[in-house]
Amino acid sequence: KEVLLKEIHHRVKNNMQVITSLLSLQSKTIGDGEAFAVFQDSQNRVKSMALIHETHYQSKDLSRINFAEYLQKLVAHVSRSYRIDPETVRISVNVDDVSLPIDTAVPCGLIINELTSNSLKYAFPADKTGEVNITFARANAQYVLRVSDTGVGLPADFDPETGKSLGMKLVRMLTTQLCGEIECHNGVGTTFEITFPEEKGEVRA
C-alpha cells in the first residue's frame, strides 16, 4: 500500500508539473503584462500544490507532511519565480517542527503562496529594500500563520474581508476551509495573521 501511495503522489506531482510547464510555455507568447501576470500566478498556485505531493512521496509517513520542509521549497520557488534579489528583499521562514495532514497542508500552502507573492509584487516598488517574514506556530491546539513584510503597506481603507482581488478571495475561501480567522495589520509594512484550530490526530514532526 505504501508503494502504491508513493507512486500515486509521484504521478500527481508529475501531472501538475506538466500543467505548470504548459502555462509557462503559453505565457511566453503573451505580450500583455497583465495577462502574463495572470498566467504566472496560476503557474505558482499549481506549483504550490505539486510541491505538496513531491514532499509527500519523499516522506516516510504518508499520512502527514513535514510542513517546515515543504515551506522551504515553496518559498524558494516563489522567490525564483519573481526573480527576487536576496540582497534587495530578504525572505525569512520560521516554522514550528510540525506535520500536517495533506488536507490542511494544501490550503496552508496556497495561502502562503498568495500572501508571499503579493508582498514580492507590490510591497517593494522601485527596488525598495526590505524583508518578508513567514512564521507558522502551534500553541493551545491552534495554528497561527503569519506573513508580514516591511514594504510600503496597503491602502488605509483596505479590508481583507472585502478585498476584490482573486488572491484575497482565495485567501478568504481557504481560511474558511480551515475553519480559521484572518486579521490584517497595516503599520510598518503589512501583516496578515491567520489562526485556525488543530485537527484531531495531528502530531509534531
C-alpha atoms as a PDB file:
ATOM      1  CA  LYS A   1       0.000   0.000   0.000  1.00  0.00           C
ATOM      2  CA  GLU A   2       2.847   2.399   0.827  1.00  0.00           C
ATOM      3  CA  VAL A   3       4.474   1.788  -2.559  1.00  0.00           C
ATOM      4  CA  LEU A   4       1.144   2.393  -4.296  1.00  0.00           C
ATOM      5  CA  LEU A   5       0.509   5.627  -2.379  1.00  0.00           C
ATOM      6  CA  LYS A   6       4.008   6.901  -3.112  1.00  0.00           C
ATOM      7  CA  GLU A   7       3.502   6.150  -6.805  1.00  0.00           C
ATOM      8  CA  ILE A   8       0.140   7.969  -6.831  1.00  0.00           C
ATOM      9  CA  HIS A   9       1.617  11.068  -5.211  1.00  0.00           C
ATOM     10  CA  HIS A  10       4.559  10.926  -7.606  1.00  0.00           C
ATOM     11  CA  ARG A  11       2.268  10.777 -10.635  1.00  0.00           C
ATOM     12  CA  VAL A  12       0.031  13.558  -9.355  1.00  0.00           C
ATOM     13  CA  LYS A  13       3.129  15.713  -8.853  1.00  0.00           C
ATOM     14  CA  ASN A  14       4.342  14.909 -12.379  1.00  0.00           C
ATOM     15  CA  ASN A  15       0.963  15.762 -13.910  1.00  0.00           C
ATOM     16  CA  MET A  16       0.879  19.080 -12.053  1.00  0.00           C
ATOM     17  CA  GLN A  17       4.403  19.783 -13.251  1.00  0.00           C
ATOM     18  CA  VAL A  18       3.211  19.250 -16.826  1.00  0.00           C
ATOM     19  CA  ILE A  19       0.455  21.806 -16.208  1.00  0.00           C
ATOM     20  CA  THR A  20       2.927  24.386 -14.878  1.00  0.00           C
ATOM     21  CA  SER A  21       5.188  23.768 -17.878  1.00  0.00           C
ATOM     22  CA  LEU A  22       2.268  24.270 -20.280  1.00  0.00           C
ATOM     23  CA  LEU A  23       1.337  27.516 -18.535  1.00  0.00           C
ATOM     24  CA  SER A  24       4.943  28.649 -18.741  1.00  0.00           C
ATOM     25  CA  LEU A  25       5.127  27.897 -22.473  1.00  0.00           C
ATOM     26  CA  GLN A  26       1.845  29.665 -23.111  1.00  0.00           C
ATOM     27  CA  SER A  27       2.906  32.722 -21.124  1.00  0.00           C
ATOM     28  CA  LYS A  28       5.921  33.201 -23.396  1.00  0.00           C
ATOM     29  CA  THR A  29       3.552  34.010 -26.257  1.00  0.00           C
ATOM     30  CA  ILE A  30       1.814  36.775 -24.278  1.00  0.00           C
ATOM     31  CA  GLY A  31       2.796  40.380 -24.839  1.00  0.00           C
ATOM     32  CA  ASP A  32       0.318  41.942 -22.428  1.00  0.00           C
ATOM     33  CA  GLY A  33       1.800  42.420 -18.960  1.00  0.00           C
ATOM     34  CA  GLU A  34      -1.445  41.934 -17.061  1.00  0.00           C
ATOM     35  CA  ALA A  35      -2.284  38.710 -18.901  1.00  0.00           C
ATOM     36  CA  PHE A  36       1.260  37.445 -18.318  1.00  0.00           C
ATOM     37  CA  ALA A  37       0.888  38.082 -14.586  1.00  0.00           C
ATOM     38  CA  VAL A  38      -2.330  36.031 -14.526  1.00  0.00           C
ATOM     39  CA  PHE A  39      -0.538  33.070 -16.086  1.00  0.00           C
ATOM     40  CA  GLN A  40       2.379  33.426 -13.689  1.00  0.00           C
ATOM     41  CA  ASP A  41       0.045  33.480 -10.678  1.00  0.00           C
ATOM     42  CA  SER A  42      -1.781  30.383 -11.941  1.00  0.00           C
ATOM     43  CA  GLN A  43       1.514  28.622 -12.515  1.00  0.00           C
ATOM     44  CA  ASN A  44       2.637  29.341  -8.945  1.00  0.00           C
ATOM     45  CA  ARG A  45      -0.659  28.103  -7.496  1.00  0.00           C
ATOM     46  CA  VAL A  46      -0.364  24.775  -9.291  1.00  0.00           C
ATOM     47  CA  LYS A  47       3.303  24.526  -8.295  1.00  0.00           C
ATOM     48  CA  SER A  48       2.447  25.090  -4.623  1.00  0.00           C
ATOM     49  CA  MET A  49       0.171  22.026  -4.787  1.00  0.00           C
ATOM     50  CA  ALA A  50       2.678  19.978  -6.785  1.00  0.00           C
ATOM     51  CA  LEU A  51       5.304  20.574  -4.084  1.00  0.00           C
ATOM     52  CA  ILE A  52       2.909  19.110  -1.514  1.00  0.00           C
ATOM     53  CA  HIS A  53       2.796  15.843  -3.439  1.00  0.00           C
ATOM     54  CA  GLU A  54       6.546  15.925  -4.058  1.00  0.00           C
ATOM     55  CA  THR A  55       7.263  16.322  -0.354  1.00  0.00           C
ATOM     56  CA  HIS A  56       4.624  13.709   0.462  1.00  0.00           C
ATOM     57  CA  TYR A  57       6.017  10.867  -1.641  1.00  0.00           C
ATOM     58  CA  GLN A  58       9.510  11.581  -0.304  1.00  0.00           C
ATOM     59  CA  SER A  59       8.252  11.313   3.279  1.00  0.00           C
ATOM     60  CA  LYS A  60       8.458   8.223   5.467  1.00  0.00           C
ATOM     61  CA  ASP A  61       4.986   8.948   6.885  1.00  0.00           C
ATOM     62  CA  LEU A  62       2.409   9.012   4.093  1.00  0.00           C
ATOM     63  CA  SER A  63      -0.389  10.222   6.370  1.00  0.00           C
ATOM     64  CA  ARG A  64       1.266  13.594   7.058  1.00  0.00           C
ATOM     65  CA  ILE A  65       3.645  16.092   5.528  1.00  0.00           C
ATOM     66  CA  ASN A  66       6.603  17.833   7.164  1.00  0.00           C
ATOM     67  CA  PHE A  67       5.373  21.384   6.766  1.00  0.00           C
ATOM     68  CA  ALA A  68       8.692  23.089   7.505  1.00  0.00           C
ATOM     69  CA  GLU A  69      10.410  21.094   4.752  1.00  0.00           C
ATOM     70  CA  TYR A  70       7.600  21.870   2.307  1.00  0.00           C
ATOM     71  CA  LEU A  71       7.565  25.560   3.128  1.00  0.00           C
ATOM     72  CA  GLN A  72      11.279  25.954   2.431  1.00  0.00           C
ATOM     73  CA  LYS A  73      10.709  24.506  -1.057  1.00  0.00           C
ATOM     74  CA  LEU A  74       7.680  26.723  -1.659  1.00  0.00           C
ATOM     75  CA  VAL A  75       9.419  29.953  -0.629  1.00  0.00           C
ATOM     76  CA  ALA A  76      12.450  29.111  -2.763  1.00  0.00           C
ATOM     77  CA  HIS A  77      10.194  28.566  -5.779  1.00  0.00           C
ATOM     78  CA  VAL A  78       8.221  31.800  -5.293  1.00  0.00           C
ATOM     79  CA  SER A  79      11.452  33.755  -4.888  1.00  0.00           C
ATOM     80  CA  ARG A  80      12.843  32.314  -8.134  1.00  0.00           C
ATOM     81  CA  SER A  81       9.558  32.908  -9.930  1.00  0.00           C
ATOM     82  CA  TYR A  82       9.647  36.643  -9.244  1.00  0.00           C
ATOM     83  CA  ARG A  83      13.430  36.838  -9.697  1.00  0.00           C
ATOM     84  CA  ILE A  84      13.935  38.261  -6.233  1.00  0.00           C
ATOM     85  CA  ASP A  85      17.409  39.524  -5.415  1.00  0.00           C
ATOM     86  CA  PRO A  86      18.170  38.356  -1.842  1.00  0.00           C
ATOM     87  CA  GLU A  87      20.288  41.466  -1.399  1.00  0.00           C
ATOM     88  CA  THR A  88      17.200  43.606  -2.028  1.00  0.00           C
ATOM     89  CA  VAL A  89      14.378  41.621  -0.426  1.00  0.00           C
ATOM     90  CA  ARG A  90      15.217  39.080   2.257  1.00  0.00           C
ATOM     91  CA  ILE A  91      12.733  36.257   2.909  1.00  0.00           C
ATOM     92  CA  SER A  92      12.879  34.558   6.299  1.00  0.00           C
ATOM     93  CA  VAL A  93      10.950  31.463   7.380  1.00  0.00           C
ATOM     94  CA  ASN A  94      10.364  30.415  10.976  1.00  0.00           C
ATOM     95  CA  VAL A  95       8.207  27.300  11.250  1.00  0.00           C
ATOM     96  CA  ASP A  96       7.479  25.014  14.185  1.00  0.00           C
ATOM     97  CA  ASP A  97       8.505  21.409  13.613  1.00  0.00           C
ATOM     98  CA  VAL A  98       5.052  20.011  12.851  1.00  0.00           C
ATOM     99  CA  SER A  99       3.486  17.548  10.467  1.00  0.00           C
ATOM    100  CA  LEU A 100       0.139  18.299   8.849  1.00  0.00           C
ATOM    101  CA  PRO A 101      -2.437  16.152   7.064  1.00  0.00           C
ATOM    102  CA  ILE A 102      -2.444  16.839   3.339  1.00  0.00           C
ATOM    103  CA  ASP A 103      -5.962  18.325   3.562  1.00  0.00           C
ATOM    104  CA  THR A 104      -4.568  21.009   5.882  1.00  0.00           C
ATOM    105  CA  ALA A 105      -1.207  21.454   4.169  1.00  0.00           C
ATOM    106  CA  VAL A 106      -2.675  22.225   0.722  1.00  0.00           C
ATOM    107  CA  PRO A 107      -4.801  25.250   1.745  1.00  0.00           C
ATOM    108  CA  CYS A 108      -1.987  26.499   4.009  1.00  0.00           C
ATOM    109  CA  GLY A 109       0.469  26.296   1.121  1.00  0.00           C
ATOM    110  CA  LEU A 110      -1.890  28.149  -1.207  1.00  0.00           C
ATOM    111  CA  ILE A 111      -2.482  30.896   1.368  1.00  0.00           C
ATOM    112  CA  ILE A 112       1.249  31.376   1.897  1.00  0.00           C
ATOM    113  CA  ASN A 113       1.806  31.405  -1.868  1.00  0.00           C
ATOM    114  CA  GLU A 114      -0.809  34.169  -2.309  1.00  0.00           C
ATOM    115  CA  LEU A 115       0.340  36.378   0.550  1.00  0.00           C
ATOM    116  CA  THR A 116       4.048  35.993  -0.163  1.00  0.00           C
ATOM    117  CA  SER A 117       3.526  36.658  -3.879  1.00  0.00           C
ATOM    118  CA  ASN A 118       1.552  39.814  -3.076  1.00  0.00           C
ATOM    119  CA  SER A 119       4.359  41.097  -0.864  1.00  0.00           C
ATOM    120  CA  LEU A 120       7.000  40.421  -3.502  1.00  0.00           C
ATOM    121  CA  LYS A 121       4.943  42.022  -6.285  1.00  0.00           C
ATOM    122  CA  TYR A 122       3.638  45.127  -4.543  1.00  0.00           C
ATOM    123  CA  ALA A 123       5.407  45.888  -1.253  1.00  0.00           C
ATOM    124  CA  PHE A 124       8.786  46.901  -2.661  1.00  0.00           C
ATOM    125  CA  PRO A 125       8.413  49.199  -5.675  1.00  0.00           C
ATOM    126  CA  ALA A 126      11.416  50.756  -7.445  1.00  0.00           C
ATOM    127  CA  ASP A 127      13.877  48.252  -5.931  1.00  0.00           C
ATOM    128  CA  LYS A 128      12.960  49.268  -2.392  1.00  0.00           C
ATOM    129  CA  THR A 129      14.772  47.027   0.095  1.00  0.00           C
ATOM    130  CA  GLY A 130      13.062  45.133   2.885  1.00  0.00           C
ATOM    131  CA  GLU A 131      12.024  41.805   4.342  1.00  0.00           C
ATOM    132  CA  VAL A 132       9.234  39.256   4.072  1.00  0.00           C
ATOM    133  CA  ASN A 133       8.774  37.125   7.181  1.00  0.00           C
ATOM    134  CA  ILE A 134       6.767  33.906   7.318  1.00  0.00           C
ATOM    135  CA  THR A 135       6.020  32.210  10.627  1.00  0.00           C
ATOM    136  CA  PHE A 136       3.925  29.155  11.412  1.00  0.00           C
ATOM    137  CA  ALA A 137       3.465  28.216  15.057  1.00  0.00           C
ATOM    138  CA  ARG A 138       1.389  25.802  17.105  1.00  0.00           C
ATOM    139  CA  ALA A 139       0.003  26.749  20.525  1.00  0.00           C
ATOM    140  CA  ASN A 140      -3.055  25.861  22.591  1.00  0.00           C
ATOM    141  CA  ALA A 141      -4.443  23.433  19.991  1.00  0.00           C
ATOM    142  CA  GLN A 142      -4.290  26.142  17.331  1.00  0.00           C
ATOM    143  CA  TYR A 143      -2.021  27.122  14.482  1.00  0.00           C
ATOM    144  CA  VAL A 144      -1.030  30.701  13.771  1.00  0.00           C
ATOM    145  CA  LEU A 145       0.183  31.505  10.264  1.00  0.00           C
ATOM    146  CA  ARG A 146       1.701  34.954   9.820  1.00  0.00           C
ATOM    147  CA  VAL A 147       3.052  36.597   6.642  1.00  0.00           C
ATOM    148  CA  SER A 148       4.468  40.085   7.111  1.00  0.00           C
ATOM    149  CA  ASP A 149       6.618  42.497   5.150  1.00  0.00           C
ATOM    150  CA  THR A 150       8.397  45.804   5.735  1.00  0.00           C
ATOM    151  CA  GLY A 151       7.157  47.294   2.487  1.00  0.00           C
ATOM    152  CA  VAL A 152       5.030  50.308   1.586  1.00  0.00           C
ATOM    153  CA  GLY A 153       1.877  48.971   3.236  1.00  0.00           C
ATOM    154  CA  LEU A 154      -1.694  48.670   2.000  1.00  0.00           C
ATOM    155  CA  PRO A 155      -4.188  51.464   1.295  1.00  0.00           C
ATOM    156  CA  ALA A 156      -5.668  52.870   4.508  1.00  0.00           C
ATOM    157  CA  ASP A 157      -9.148  51.648   3.585  1.00  0.00           C
ATOM    158  CA  PHE A 158      -8.082  48.075   2.766  1.00  0.00           C
ATOM    159  CA  ASP A 159     -10.263  45.386   4.354  1.00  0.00           C
ATOM    160  CA  PRO A 160      -9.243  41.708   3.991  1.00  0.00           C
ATOM    161  CA  GLU A 161     -12.901  40.695   4.297  1.00  0.00           C
ATOM    162  CA  THR A 162     -13.949  42.695   1.239  1.00  0.00           C
ATOM    163  CA  GLY A 163     -10.820  42.753  -0.952  1.00  0.00           C
ATOM    164  CA  LYS A 164     -11.917  42.048  -4.501  1.00  0.00           C
ATOM    165  CA  SER A 165      -8.699  40.647  -5.987  1.00  0.00           C
ATOM    166  CA  LEU A 166      -8.662  36.947  -6.844  1.00  0.00           C
ATOM    167  CA  GLY A 167      -5.759  36.439  -4.445  1.00  0.00           C
ATOM    168  CA  MET A 168      -7.665  37.844  -1.457  1.00  0.00           C
ATOM    169  CA  LYS A 169     -10.792  35.921  -2.422  1.00  0.00           C
ATOM    170  CA  LEU A 170      -8.727  32.737  -2.432  1.00  0.00           C
ATOM    171  CA  VAL A 171      -7.176  33.558   0.946  1.00  0.00           C
ATOM    172  CA  ARG A 172     -10.623  34.144   2.467  1.00  0.00           C
ATOM    173  CA  MET A 173     -12.052  30.971   0.925  1.00  0.00           C
ATOM    174  CA  LEU A 174      -9.108  28.833   2.084  1.00  0.00           C
ATOM    175  CA  THR A 175      -9.195  30.343   5.580  1.00  0.00           C
ATOM    176  CA  THR A 176     -12.871  29.389   5.799  1.00  0.00           C
ATOM    177  CA  GLN A 177     -11.953  25.885   4.619  1.00  0.00           C
ATOM    178  CA  LEU A 178      -9.556  25.665   7.568  1.00  0.00           C
ATOM    179  CA  CYS A 179     -12.292  26.969   9.921  1.00  0.00           C
ATOM    180  CA  GLY A 180      -9.972  29.864  10.656  1.00  0.00           C
ATOM    181  CA  GLU A 181      -9.964  33.621  11.060  1.00  0.00           C
ATOM    182  CA  ILE A 182      -7.937  36.265   9.244  1.00  0.00           C
ATOM    183  CA  GLU A 183      -6.618  39.583  10.513  1.00  0.00           C
ATOM    184  CA  CYS A 184      -4.669  42.281   8.698  1.00  0.00           C
ATOM    185  CA  HIS A 185      -2.398  44.834  10.393  1.00  0.00           C
ATOM    186  CA  ASN A 186      -1.226  47.770   8.328  1.00  0.00           C
ATOM    187  CA  GLY A 187       1.559  49.724  10.013  1.00  0.00           C
ATOM    188  CA  VAL A 188       5.232  49.444   9.195  1.00  0.00           C
ATOM    189  CA  GLY A 189       4.566  47.283   6.178  1.00  0.00           C
ATOM    190  CA  THR A 190       1.749  44.737   6.221  1.00  0.00           C
ATOM    191  CA  THR A 191       0.995  41.705   8.373  1.00  0.00           C
ATOM    192  CA  PHE A 192      -1.588  39.019   7.659  1.00  0.00           C
ATOM    193  CA  GLU A 193      -2.365  36.643  10.517  1.00  0.00           C
ATOM    194  CA  ILE A 194      -4.473  33.531  10.083  1.00  0.00           C
ATOM    195  CA  THR A 195      -5.470  31.411  13.068  1.00  0.00           C
ATOM    196  CA  PHE A 196      -7.133  28.013  12.719  1.00  0.00           C
ATOM    197  CA  PRO A 197      -7.736  25.018  15.001  1.00  0.00           C
ATOM    198  CA  GLU A 198      -5.561  21.961  15.112  1.00  0.00           C
ATOM    199  CA  GLU A 199      -7.290  18.899  13.719  1.00  0.00           C
ATOM    200  CA  LYS A 200      -7.573  15.777  15.801  1.00  0.00           C
ATOM    201  CA  GLY A 201      -4.794  13.334  15.113  1.00  0.00           C
ATOM    202  CA  GLU A 202      -2.165  15.899  14.141  1.00  0.00           C
ATOM    203  CA  VAL A 203       1.247  15.460  15.714  1.00  0.00           C
ATOM    204  CA  ARG A 204       4.579  17.191  15.849  1.00  0.00           C
ATOM    205  CA  ALA A 205       7.057  16.035  13.209  1.00  0.00           C
END
